[in-house]
Amino acid sequence: MNCLIPITNTFSDIRRALPVLNSLNELIEMLSNHKYDISKMVPSILDLVSSYPFSIKSFPLIEKGYSRTILHREPNGFEVMVARWSRHAKTPIHGHPGFSVLYLIEGELSEQSFIKEKDQPIGIDSRIISTGDYSCDKGVDGRFDNAIHQIRATQESLSLHIYSDDALKGEIYPT
């Protein structure tokens, strides 16, 4: 199965599907204020997903792929994004900016982790990510080869992502 480039939407693209806008903006602002402090960010994430009615049907579905909906982006690149995954969608093997968080709102994902050795990804670990699971990775700021992994959706899923910079700058590795 080929990896598909995600389609990116903005929050305004789906505004009608997401009521309670002021509450969502307030919670995203809290996340922005706590960036890089996971002890403060996780409670804000949990507040966001428990207080806000995220519905998988409210986000665009890309057959055999995934969509990205940007909820918040700052000029320095910090972003909060929701991804909707079709069953069997997968990412290329890719890296991330200096700080990244993934929280699974609904569904199940499989993650294969890699290290970079001589500019090539080497698989080191795999795990299943279930509803309510989260991961946080802190790497080197200014680099986009941190937290190298590949994600596959084992079922239709919805995930929340927070990045210190534009995630699409992440290094992509051939498979």
N, C-alpha and C. Protein backbone atom coordinates (compact mmCIF):
# COMPACT_ATOMS: atom_id res chain seq x y z
N MET A 1 0.84 -1.17 0.00
CA MET A 1 0.00 0.00 0.00
C MET A 1 0.89 1.23 0.00
N ASN A 2 0.61 2.19 -0.85
CA ASN A 2 1.40 3.41 -0.92
C ASN A 2 1.02 4.36 0.19
N CYS A 3 1.98 5.16 0.63
CA CYS A 3 1.70 6.22 1.59
C CYS A 3 1.12 7.40 0.83
N LEU A 4 0.11 7.99 1.36
CA LEU A 4 -0.52 9.13 0.70
C LEU A 4 -0.16 10.41 1.42
N ILE A 5 0.02 11.48 0.66
CA ILE A 5 0.25 12.79 1.26
C ILE A 5 -1.07 13.24 1.89
N PRO A 6 -1.04 13.67 3.14
CA PRO A 6 -2.30 14.05 3.79
C PRO A 6 -2.86 15.34 3.19
N ILE A 7 -4.16 15.47 3.21
CA ILE A 7 -4.81 16.70 2.82
C ILE A 7 -4.97 17.54 4.07
N THR A 8 -4.54 18.79 4.01
CA THR A 8 -4.59 19.66 5.17
C THR A 8 -5.75 20.63 5.03
N ASN A 9 -6.56 20.70 6.05
CA ASN A 9 -7.65 21.65 6.12
C ASN A 9 -7.34 22.64 7.23
N THR A 10 -8.06 23.74 7.23
CA THR A 10 -7.94 24.67 8.34
C THR A 10 -9.20 24.58 9.17
N PHE A 11 -9.12 25.11 10.37
CA PHE A 11 -10.27 25.08 11.27
C PHE A 11 -11.47 25.75 10.61
N SER A 12 -11.25 26.82 9.85
CA SER A 12 -12.37 27.52 9.22
C SER A 12 -13.07 26.65 8.19
N ASP A 13 -12.37 25.66 7.62
CA ASP A 13 -12.98 24.76 6.64
C ASP A 13 -14.09 23.92 7.26
N ILE A 14 -13.99 23.66 8.56
CA ILE A 14 -14.98 22.78 9.19
C ILE A 14 -15.70 23.47 10.34
N ARG A 15 -15.65 24.78 10.39
CA ARG A 15 -16.24 25.54 11.50
C ARG A 15 -17.69 25.15 11.76
N ARG A 16 -18.49 24.96 10.71
CA ARG A 16 -19.90 24.61 10.89
C ARG A 16 -20.06 23.27 11.60
N ALA A 17 -19.13 22.39 11.43
CA ALA A 17 -19.23 21.06 12.04
C ALA A 17 -18.79 21.06 13.50
N LEU A 18 -18.19 22.15 13.96
CA LEU A 18 -17.66 22.19 15.31
C LEU A 18 -18.30 23.32 16.11
N PRO A 19 -19.36 23.03 16.87
CA PRO A 19 -19.93 24.06 17.72
C PRO A 19 -19.02 24.36 18.91
N VAL A 20 -19.42 25.22 19.81
CA VAL A 20 -18.68 25.56 21.02
C VAL A 20 -17.31 26.17 20.68
N LEU A 21 -17.29 27.02 19.67
CA LEU A 21 -16.04 27.57 19.16
C LEU A 21 -15.25 28.32 20.23
N ASN A 22 -15.91 29.17 21.03
CA ASN A 22 -15.17 29.95 22.02
C ASN A 22 -14.49 29.04 23.03
N SER A 23 -15.15 28.01 23.48
CA SER A 23 -14.56 27.07 24.43
C SER A 23 -13.35 26.37 23.81
N LEU A 24 -13.47 25.95 22.55
CA LEU A 24 -12.35 25.29 21.88
C LEU A 24 -11.16 26.24 21.78
N ASN A 25 -11.40 27.48 21.37
CA ASN A 25 -10.31 28.45 21.25
C ASN A 25 -9.63 28.69 22.60
N GLU A 26 -10.41 28.77 23.67
CA GLU A 26 -9.83 28.95 24.99
C GLU A 26 -8.94 27.77 25.37
N LEU A 27 -9.39 26.55 25.09
CA LEU A 27 -8.60 25.37 25.43
C LEU A 27 -7.34 25.28 24.59
N ILE A 28 -7.43 25.65 23.32
CA ILE A 28 -6.23 25.65 22.46
C ILE A 28 -5.25 26.70 22.95
N GLU A 29 -5.76 27.85 23.40
CA GLU A 29 -4.87 28.88 23.94
C GLU A 29 -4.14 28.35 25.18
N MET A 30 -4.83 27.59 26.02
CA MET A 30 -4.17 26.98 27.17
C MET A 30 -3.03 26.06 26.72
N LEU A 31 -3.28 25.26 25.68
CA LEU A 31 -2.22 24.39 25.16
C LEU A 31 -1.03 25.22 24.70
N SER A 32 -1.32 26.29 23.99
CA SER A 32 -0.26 27.15 23.48
C SER A 32 0.57 27.74 24.62
N ASN A 33 -0.11 28.12 25.71
CA ASN A 33 0.60 28.69 26.86
C ASN A 33 1.48 27.67 27.57
N HIS A 34 1.14 26.38 27.46
CA HIS A 34 1.89 25.33 28.15
C HIS A 34 2.85 24.58 27.24
N LYS A 35 3.06 25.06 26.03
CA LYS A 35 3.87 24.28 25.09
C LYS A 35 5.23 23.91 25.70
N TYR A 36 5.60 22.70 25.42
CA TYR A 36 6.86 22.10 25.85
C TYR A 36 6.89 21.69 27.32
N ASP A 37 5.82 21.93 28.06
CA ASP A 37 5.75 21.48 29.46
C ASP A 37 4.67 20.40 29.53
N ILE A 38 5.07 19.17 29.36
CA ILE A 38 4.11 18.07 29.25
C ILE A 38 3.29 17.90 30.52
N SER A 39 3.85 18.24 31.68
CA SER A 39 3.09 18.09 32.93
C SER A 39 1.89 19.02 32.98
N LYS A 40 1.97 20.15 32.29
CA LYS A 40 0.84 21.08 32.20
C LYS A 40 0.02 20.84 30.95
N MET A 41 0.68 20.36 29.89
CA MET A 41 -0.02 20.18 28.62
C MET A 41 -1.01 19.02 28.66
N VAL A 42 -0.63 17.90 29.28
CA VAL A 42 -1.51 16.73 29.29
C VAL A 42 -2.86 17.05 29.94
N PRO A 43 -2.91 17.72 31.10
CA PRO A 43 -4.22 18.07 31.63
C PRO A 43 -5.04 18.96 30.67
N SER A 44 -4.35 19.87 29.96
CA SER A 44 -5.06 20.70 28.98
C SER A 44 -5.60 19.87 27.82
N ILE A 45 -4.82 18.89 27.37
CA ILE A 45 -5.29 18.00 26.31
C ILE A 45 -6.50 17.22 26.79
N LEU A 46 -6.42 16.69 27.99
CA LEU A 46 -7.55 15.92 28.53
C LEU A 46 -8.78 16.81 28.69
N ASP A 47 -8.58 18.07 29.12
CA ASP A 47 -9.70 19.02 29.18
C ASP A 47 -10.30 19.24 27.80
N LEU A 48 -9.41 19.41 26.82
CA LEU A 48 -9.87 19.67 25.46
C LEU A 48 -10.72 18.52 24.93
N VAL A 49 -10.24 17.31 25.05
CA VAL A 49 -10.98 16.18 24.47
C VAL A 49 -12.21 15.79 25.29
N SER A 50 -12.20 16.07 26.59
CA SER A 50 -13.39 15.75 27.39
C SER A 50 -14.44 16.85 27.34
N SER A 51 -14.02 18.11 27.15
CA SER A 51 -14.95 19.23 27.14
C SER A 51 -15.51 19.52 25.76
N TYR A 52 -14.79 19.10 24.75
CA TYR A 52 -15.17 19.45 23.39
C TYR A 52 -15.68 18.20 22.68
N PRO A 53 -16.82 18.30 22.03
CA PRO A 53 -17.41 17.12 21.39
C PRO A 53 -16.74 16.77 20.05
N PHE A 54 -15.51 16.26 20.11
CA PHE A 54 -14.85 15.82 18.88
C PHE A 54 -15.62 14.64 18.32
N SER A 55 -16.08 14.76 17.10
CA SER A 55 -16.77 13.67 16.42
C SER A 55 -15.98 13.31 15.18
N ILE A 56 -15.66 12.05 15.05
CA ILE A 56 -14.88 11.61 13.90
C ILE A 56 -15.55 12.00 12.58
N LYS A 57 -16.87 12.03 12.58
CA LYS A 57 -17.63 12.37 11.36
C LYS A 57 -17.52 13.85 11.00
N SER A 58 -17.05 14.69 11.94
CA SER A 58 -16.92 16.12 11.69
C SER A 58 -15.66 16.48 10.90
N PHE A 59 -14.79 15.52 10.70
CA PHE A 59 -13.53 15.79 10.02
C PHE A 59 -13.49 15.05 8.68
N PRO A 60 -12.83 15.63 7.68
CA PRO A 60 -12.81 15.03 6.34
C PRO A 60 -12.20 13.64 6.33
N LEU A 61 -12.82 12.73 5.60
CA LEU A 61 -12.30 11.37 5.43
C LEU A 61 -11.67 11.25 4.06
N ILE A 62 -10.45 10.78 4.01
CA ILE A 62 -9.73 10.52 2.77
C ILE A 62 -9.60 9.01 2.66
N GLU A 63 -10.23 8.42 1.65
CA GLU A 63 -10.15 6.97 1.47
C GLU A 63 -8.69 6.55 1.32
N LYS A 64 -8.30 5.53 2.06
CA LYS A 64 -6.95 4.97 2.05
C LYS A 64 -5.89 6.01 2.43
N GLY A 65 -6.27 7.00 3.22
CA GLY A 65 -5.33 8.03 3.64
C GLY A 65 -5.80 8.68 4.92
N TYR A 66 -5.31 9.87 5.15
CA TYR A 66 -5.71 10.61 6.33
C TYR A 66 -5.76 12.09 6.00
N SER A 67 -6.62 12.82 6.71
CA SER A 67 -6.71 14.27 6.53
C SER A 67 -6.13 14.95 7.75
N ARG A 68 -5.65 16.15 7.56
CA ARG A 68 -5.11 16.98 8.65
C ARG A 68 -5.95 18.24 8.73
N THR A 69 -6.48 18.54 9.89
CA THR A 69 -7.24 19.77 10.10
C THR A 69 -6.49 20.59 11.15
N ILE A 70 -6.00 21.75 10.74
CA ILE A 70 -5.24 22.61 11.64
C ILE A 70 -6.23 23.37 12.52
N LEU A 71 -6.13 23.19 13.83
CA LEU A 71 -6.98 23.92 14.77
C LEU A 71 -6.34 25.23 15.19
N HIS A 72 -5.00 25.25 15.23
CA HIS A 72 -4.28 26.45 15.67
C HIS A 72 -2.86 26.40 15.12
N ARG A 73 -2.38 27.52 14.63
CA ARG A 73 -0.98 27.61 14.19
C ARG A 73 -0.47 29.00 14.53
N GLU A 74 0.75 29.04 15.09
CA GLU A 74 1.39 30.31 15.42
C GLU A 74 2.48 30.61 14.41
N PRO A 75 2.87 31.89 14.27
CA PRO A 75 3.91 32.25 13.30
C PRO A 75 5.21 31.49 13.48
N ASN A 76 5.53 31.08 14.73
CA ASN A 76 6.78 30.34 14.96
C ASN A 76 6.65 28.86 14.57
N GLY A 77 5.47 28.44 14.08
CA GLY A 77 5.26 27.07 13.64
C GLY A 77 4.48 26.20 14.59
N PHE A 78 4.40 26.57 15.89
CA PHE A 78 3.64 25.77 16.86
C PHE A 78 2.25 25.52 16.30
N GLU A 79 1.82 24.25 16.30
CA GLU A 79 0.50 23.95 15.75
C GLU A 79 -0.20 22.86 16.54
N VAL A 80 -1.53 22.95 16.50
CA VAL A 80 -2.41 21.94 17.06
C VAL A 80 -3.25 21.45 15.89
N MET A 81 -3.28 20.15 15.68
CA MET A 81 -3.89 19.57 14.49
C MET A 81 -4.65 18.30 14.85
N VAL A 82 -5.73 18.04 14.13
CA VAL A 82 -6.47 16.79 14.27
C VAL A 82 -6.32 16.02 12.96
N ALA A 83 -6.05 14.72 13.07
CA ALA A 83 -5.95 13.85 11.89
C ALA A 83 -7.08 12.83 11.95
N ARG A 84 -7.77 12.67 10.83
CA ARG A 84 -8.75 11.60 10.69
C ARG A 84 -8.16 10.55 9.76
N TRP A 85 -8.12 9.33 10.23
CA TRP A 85 -7.48 8.23 9.54
C TRP A 85 -8.52 7.27 8.99
N SER A 86 -8.40 6.91 7.73
CA SER A 86 -9.22 5.81 7.22
C SER A 86 -8.54 4.50 7.63
N ARG A 87 -9.31 3.44 7.67
CA ARG A 87 -8.75 2.14 8.03
C ARG A 87 -7.66 1.76 7.02
N HIS A 88 -6.54 1.30 7.50
CA HIS A 88 -5.38 0.88 6.72
C HIS A 88 -4.54 2.04 6.18
N ALA A 89 -4.88 3.28 6.51
CA ALA A 89 -4.04 4.41 6.09
C ALA A 89 -2.69 4.28 6.78
N LYS A 90 -1.64 4.77 6.13
CA LYS A 90 -0.34 4.78 6.78
C LYS A 90 0.46 5.99 6.33
N THR A 91 1.33 6.42 7.20
CA THR A 91 2.23 7.52 6.88
C THR A 91 3.50 6.96 6.28
N PRO A 92 4.27 7.80 5.62
CA PRO A 92 5.63 7.36 5.30
C PRO A 92 6.42 7.33 6.62
N ILE A 93 7.59 6.73 6.60
CA ILE A 93 8.49 6.82 7.74
C ILE A 93 8.96 8.28 7.77
N HIS A 94 8.77 8.94 8.90
CA HIS A 94 9.06 10.37 8.95
C HIS A 94 9.51 10.81 10.34
N GLY A 95 10.19 11.97 10.36
CA GLY A 95 10.63 12.58 11.59
C GLY A 95 9.75 13.77 11.95
N HIS A 96 10.05 14.38 13.10
CA HIS A 96 9.25 15.47 13.64
C HIS A 96 10.12 16.64 14.07
N PRO A 97 9.47 17.78 14.32
CA PRO A 97 10.21 18.90 14.91
C PRO A 97 10.61 18.57 16.34
N GLY A 98 11.20 19.53 17.02
CA GLY A 98 11.77 19.31 18.35
C GLY A 98 10.82 18.79 19.40
N PHE A 99 9.54 19.09 19.29
CA PHE A 99 8.57 18.67 20.30
C PHE A 99 7.31 18.20 19.59
N SER A 100 6.80 17.04 20.00
CA SER A 100 5.57 16.54 19.39
C SER A 100 4.77 15.73 20.41
N VAL A 101 3.45 15.83 20.28
CA VAL A 101 2.52 15.09 21.13
C VAL A 101 1.47 14.47 20.22
N LEU A 102 1.13 13.22 20.47
CA LEU A 102 0.03 12.54 19.78
C LEU A 102 -0.92 12.03 20.87
N TYR A 103 -2.21 12.34 20.72
CA TYR A 103 -3.24 11.84 21.64
C TYR A 103 -4.32 11.20 20.79
N LEU A 104 -4.64 9.93 21.04
CA LEU A 104 -5.64 9.25 20.24
C LEU A 104 -7.03 9.47 20.85
N ILE A 105 -7.85 10.21 20.14
CA ILE A 105 -9.21 10.53 20.59
C ILE A 105 -10.13 9.33 20.42
N GLU A 106 -9.97 8.65 19.28
CA GLU A 106 -10.85 7.52 18.97
C GLU A 106 -10.16 6.60 17.99
N GLY A 107 -10.33 5.29 18.16
CA GLY A 107 -9.81 4.32 17.20
C GLY A 107 -8.60 3.57 17.73
N GLU A 108 -7.80 3.09 16.77
CA GLU A 108 -6.58 2.35 17.12
C GLU A 108 -5.56 2.55 16.01
N LEU A 109 -4.33 2.84 16.42
CA LEU A 109 -3.22 3.04 15.50
C LEU A 109 -2.09 2.11 15.89
N SER A 110 -1.28 1.75 14.91
CA SER A 110 -0.07 0.97 15.15
C SER A 110 1.11 1.89 14.83
N GLU A 111 2.09 1.92 15.73
CA GLU A 111 3.26 2.78 15.55
C GLU A 111 4.53 1.94 15.51
N GLN A 112 5.34 2.15 14.49
CA GLN A 112 6.66 1.55 14.38
C GLN A 112 7.66 2.68 14.58
N SER A 113 8.55 2.56 15.57
CA SER A 113 9.56 3.58 15.86
C SER A 113 10.88 3.20 15.21
N PHE A 114 11.67 4.22 14.88
CA PHE A 114 12.94 4.03 14.19
C PHE A 114 14.01 4.93 14.81
N ILE A 115 15.25 4.55 14.63
CA ILE A 115 16.39 5.43 14.87
C ILE A 115 17.06 5.65 13.52
N LYS A 116 17.79 6.73 13.42
CA LYS A 116 18.49 7.03 12.17
C LYS A 116 19.94 6.59 12.32
N GLU A 117 20.36 5.72 11.42
CA GLU A 117 21.73 5.22 11.43
C GLU A 117 22.28 5.36 10.01
N LYS A 118 23.31 6.19 9.87
CA LYS A 118 23.89 6.46 8.55
C LYS A 118 22.81 6.93 7.58
N ASP A 119 21.99 7.86 8.05
CA ASP A 119 20.90 8.47 7.27
C ASP A 119 19.80 7.50 6.84
N GLN A 120 19.78 6.31 7.43
CA GLN A 120 18.75 5.33 7.12
C GLN A 120 17.96 4.99 8.38
N PRO A 121 16.62 4.85 8.28
CA PRO A 121 15.84 4.46 9.45
C PRO A 121 15.98 2.97 9.74
N ILE A 122 16.19 2.66 11.01
CA ILE A 122 16.30 1.28 11.48
C ILE A 122 15.19 1.06 12.51
N GLY A 123 14.30 0.09 12.25
CA GLY A 123 13.19 -0.19 13.15
C GLY A 123 13.68 -0.66 14.51
N ILE A 124 13.11 -0.08 15.59
CA ILE A 124 13.55 -0.46 16.94
C ILE A 124 12.41 -0.93 17.84
N ASP A 125 11.18 -0.51 17.56
CA ASP A 125 10.09 -0.82 18.48
C ASP A 125 8.76 -0.64 17.76
N SER A 126 7.74 -1.33 18.24
CA SER A 126 6.39 -1.11 17.72
C SER A 126 5.41 -1.21 18.87
N ARG A 127 4.28 -0.56 18.72
CA ARG A 127 3.26 -0.59 19.75
C ARG A 127 1.90 -0.27 19.14
N ILE A 128 0.87 -0.63 19.87
CA ILE A 128 -0.50 -0.28 19.51
C ILE A 128 -0.90 0.93 20.34
N ILE A 129 -1.49 1.92 19.70
CA ILE A 129 -1.99 3.11 20.37
C ILE A 129 -3.51 2.99 20.39
N SER A 130 -4.09 2.98 21.57
CA SER A 130 -5.54 2.82 21.74
C SER A 130 -6.17 4.14 22.18
N THR A 131 -7.48 4.23 22.07
CA THR A 131 -8.21 5.42 22.49
C THR A 131 -7.77 5.85 23.88
N GLY A 132 -7.41 7.14 24.01
CA GLY A 132 -6.97 7.68 25.29
C GLY A 132 -5.47 7.63 25.51
N ASP A 133 -4.74 6.88 24.69
CA ASP A 133 -3.29 6.82 24.82
C ASP A 133 -2.66 8.10 24.24
N TYR A 134 -1.51 8.47 24.79
CA TYR A 134 -0.78 9.60 24.23
C TYR A 134 0.71 9.33 24.31
N SER A 135 1.45 10.06 23.48
CA SER A 135 2.91 10.00 23.55
C SER A 135 3.44 11.41 23.37
N CYS A 136 4.57 11.66 23.97
CA CYS A 136 5.24 12.96 23.88
C CYS A 136 6.70 12.71 23.57
N ASP A 137 7.22 13.44 22.61
CA ASP A 137 8.63 13.30 22.27
C ASP A 137 9.29 14.67 22.26
N LYS A 138 10.42 14.77 22.93
CA LYS A 138 11.21 15.99 22.95
C LYS A 138 12.56 15.66 22.33
N GLY A 139 12.85 16.34 21.22
CA GLY A 139 14.11 16.11 20.52
C GLY A 139 14.92 17.39 20.46
N VAL A 140 15.62 17.57 19.37
CA VAL A 140 16.48 18.73 19.18
C VAL A 140 15.71 19.79 18.40
N ASP A 141 15.55 20.98 18.98
CA ASP A 141 14.88 22.08 18.28
C ASP A 141 15.64 22.42 17.00
N GLY A 142 14.88 22.78 15.97
CA GLY A 142 15.49 23.17 14.70
C GLY A 142 15.80 21.99 13.79
N ARG A 143 15.61 20.78 14.29
CA ARG A 143 15.82 19.58 13.46
C ARG A 143 14.47 18.92 13.22
N PHE A 144 14.37 18.19 12.14
CA PHE A 144 13.11 17.55 11.78
C PHE A 144 13.28 16.05 11.58
N ASP A 145 14.26 15.50 12.31
CA ASP A 145 14.49 14.06 12.30
C ASP A 145 14.36 13.48 13.71
N ASN A 146 13.56 14.12 14.53
CA ASN A 146 13.26 13.65 15.88
C ASN A 146 12.09 12.67 15.83
N ALA A 147 12.01 11.78 16.81
CA ALA A 147 10.86 10.88 16.97
C ALA A 147 10.45 10.25 15.63
N ILE A 148 11.37 9.58 14.99
CA ILE A 148 11.10 8.98 13.67
C ILE A 148 10.17 7.78 13.86
N HIS A 149 9.11 7.76 13.07
CA HIS A 149 8.15 6.65 13.17
C HIS A 149 7.31 6.54 11.91
N GLN A 150 6.49 5.49 11.89
CA GLN A 150 5.49 5.29 10.85
C GLN A 150 4.21 4.88 11.58
N ILE A 151 3.11 5.49 11.20
CA ILE A 151 1.81 5.20 11.82
C ILE A 151 0.92 4.50 10.79
N ARG A 152 0.21 3.47 11.25
CA ARG A 152 -0.79 2.78 10.43
C ARG A 152 -2.09 2.74 11.22
N ALA A 153 -3.18 3.01 10.56
CA ALA A 153 -4.49 2.95 11.21
C ALA A 153 -5.03 1.53 11.10
N THR A 154 -5.23 0.87 12.22
CA THR A 154 -5.81 -0.48 12.20
C THR A 154 -7.32 -0.42 12.10
N GLN A 155 -7.87 0.77 12.38
CA GLN A 155 -9.30 1.04 12.21
C GLN A 155 -9.45 2.54 11.99
N GLU A 156 -10.63 2.97 11.54
CA GLU A 156 -10.85 4.40 11.37
C GLU A 156 -10.57 5.08 12.71
N SER A 157 -9.82 6.18 12.68
CA SER A 157 -9.35 6.79 13.93
C SER A 157 -9.33 8.31 13.83
N LEU A 158 -9.25 8.95 15.00
CA LEU A 158 -9.15 10.40 15.12
C LEU A 158 -8.09 10.70 16.16
N SER A 159 -7.10 11.52 15.81
CA SER A 159 -6.01 11.82 16.74
C SER A 159 -5.74 13.32 16.78
N LEU A 160 -5.27 13.76 17.94
CA LEU A 160 -4.89 15.15 18.16
C LEU A 160 -3.37 15.20 18.19
N HIS A 161 -2.78 16.19 17.49
CA HIS A 161 -1.32 16.32 17.41
C HIS A 161 -0.92 17.73 17.76
N ILE A 162 0.18 17.86 18.48
CA ILE A 162 0.73 19.16 18.84
C ILE A 162 2.21 19.13 18.47
N TYR A 163 2.64 20.16 17.74
CA TYR A 163 4.03 20.21 17.27
C TYR A 163 4.64 21.57 17.56
N SER A 164 5.94 21.59 17.82
CA SER A 164 6.65 22.84 18.06
C SER A 164 6.90 23.60 16.76
N ASP A 165 6.72 22.95 15.63
CA ASP A 165 6.90 23.58 14.33
C ASP A 165 6.03 22.81 13.33
N ASP A 166 5.93 23.30 12.12
CA ASP A 166 5.13 22.68 11.08
C ASP A 166 5.57 21.23 10.88
N ALA A 167 4.67 20.30 11.17
CA ALA A 167 5.00 18.88 11.08
C ALA A 167 5.35 18.45 9.66
N LEU A 168 4.84 19.15 8.66
CA LEU A 168 5.12 18.76 7.29
C LEU A 168 6.57 19.04 6.88
N LYS A 169 7.33 19.69 7.76
CA LYS A 169 8.77 19.88 7.52
C LYS A 169 9.57 18.64 7.93
N GLY A 170 8.91 17.68 8.60
CA GLY A 170 9.60 16.48 9.06
C GLY A 170 10.26 15.71 7.93
N GLU A 171 11.45 15.18 8.21
CA GLU A 171 12.17 14.39 7.20
C GLU A 171 11.35 13.16 6.85
N ILE A 172 11.30 12.82 5.58
CA ILE A 172 10.63 11.62 5.10
C ILE A 172 11.68 10.67 4.56
N TYR A 173 11.54 9.39 4.93
CA TYR A 173 12.53 8.38 4.55
C TYR A 173 11.92 7.40 3.58
N PRO A 174 12.68 6.99 2.57
CA PRO A 174 12.15 5.99 1.63
C PRO A 174 11.95 4.64 2.32
N THR A 175 10.98 3.89 1.84
CA THR A 175 10.74 2.56 2.41
C THR A 175 11.23 1.46 1.49
